[in-house]
Amino acid sequence: MLSNSFGLAPYNPYADRGLWTDLFDAVILSELEGVRKPSVEIYERALTALDLPGAQCVRR
């Protein structure tokens, strides 16, 4: 999951839904990364977390 989050305090909307570990191979939240979409940097962090090159993440 790559998200421009709404913020995590005072309420973390992701924690009670199990999104951290149950549904996604990686969770990249702008709140934690300090960078937001559409910055290239946040997409690069997602690719790093997934250990994949960008070409493997796009369907043609």
Protein backbone atom coordinates (compact mmCIF):
# COMPACT_ATOMS: atom_id res chain seq x y z
CA MET A 1 0.00 0.00 0.00
CA LEU A 2 1.34 3.40 -0.97
CA SER A 3 -0.73 6.16 0.59
CA ASN A 4 -0.70 9.86 1.24
CA SER A 5 -2.01 9.24 4.72
CA PHE A 6 -4.46 11.37 6.63
CA GLY A 7 -2.15 11.35 9.62
CA LEU A 8 -1.66 8.84 12.40
CA ALA A 9 -2.38 10.93 15.48
CA PRO A 10 -4.43 11.13 17.52
CA TYR A 11 -6.09 8.19 15.76
CA ASN A 12 -4.36 5.71 13.45
CA PRO A 13 -7.00 4.71 10.88
CA TYR A 14 -4.86 1.82 9.62
CA ALA A 15 -4.02 -0.04 12.83
CA ASP A 16 -7.44 -1.46 13.67
CA ARG A 17 -7.93 -2.79 10.13
CA GLY A 18 -4.86 -5.01 10.08
CA LEU A 19 -3.48 -3.21 7.05
CA TRP A 20 0.04 -3.21 8.39
CA THR A 21 0.70 -6.89 7.91
CA ASP A 22 -2.36 -8.81 6.74
CA LEU A 23 -3.22 -7.45 3.31
CA PHE A 24 -0.09 -5.89 1.80
CA ASP A 25 3.48 -6.93 1.07
CA ALA A 26 4.62 -3.40 1.98
CA VAL A 27 3.03 -0.37 3.58
CA ILE A 28 4.46 3.02 2.64
CA LEU A 29 2.71 5.95 4.34
CA SER A 30 3.64 9.53 3.52
CA GLU A 31 3.20 10.44 7.19
CA LEU A 32 6.04 8.09 8.14
CA GLU A 33 8.22 8.63 5.06
CA GLY A 34 8.20 12.42 5.12
CA VAL A 35 7.48 12.58 1.38
CA ARG A 36 4.19 12.46 -0.54
CA LYS A 37 2.90 11.35 -3.91
CA PRO A 38 3.52 12.34 -6.67
CA SER A 39 7.18 12.62 -5.61
CA VAL A 40 9.35 10.03 -7.38
CA GLU A 41 11.09 9.35 -4.08
CA ILE A 42 8.07 7.76 -2.42
CA TYR A 43 7.59 5.40 -5.38
CA GLU A 44 11.27 4.45 -5.17
CA ARG A 45 10.82 3.66 -1.48
CA ALA A 46 7.90 1.38 -2.32
CA LEU A 47 9.99 -0.43 -4.94
CA THR A 48 12.81 -0.83 -2.42
CA ALA A 49 10.42 -2.21 0.21
CA LEU A 50 9.11 -4.72 -2.32
CA ASP A 51 12.59 -5.49 -3.65
CA LEU A 52 11.28 -5.11 -7.21
CA PRO A 53 12.23 -3.06 -10.26
CA GLY A 54 9.53 -0.70 -11.52
CA ALA A 55 9.03 -2.69 -14.73
CA GLN A 56 7.76 -5.68 -12.73
CA CYS A 57 5.08 -3.56 -11.07
CA VAL A 58 3.30 -2.43 -14.22
CA ARG A 59 0.90 -4.53 -16.28
CA ARG A 60 0.87 -4.01 -20.00
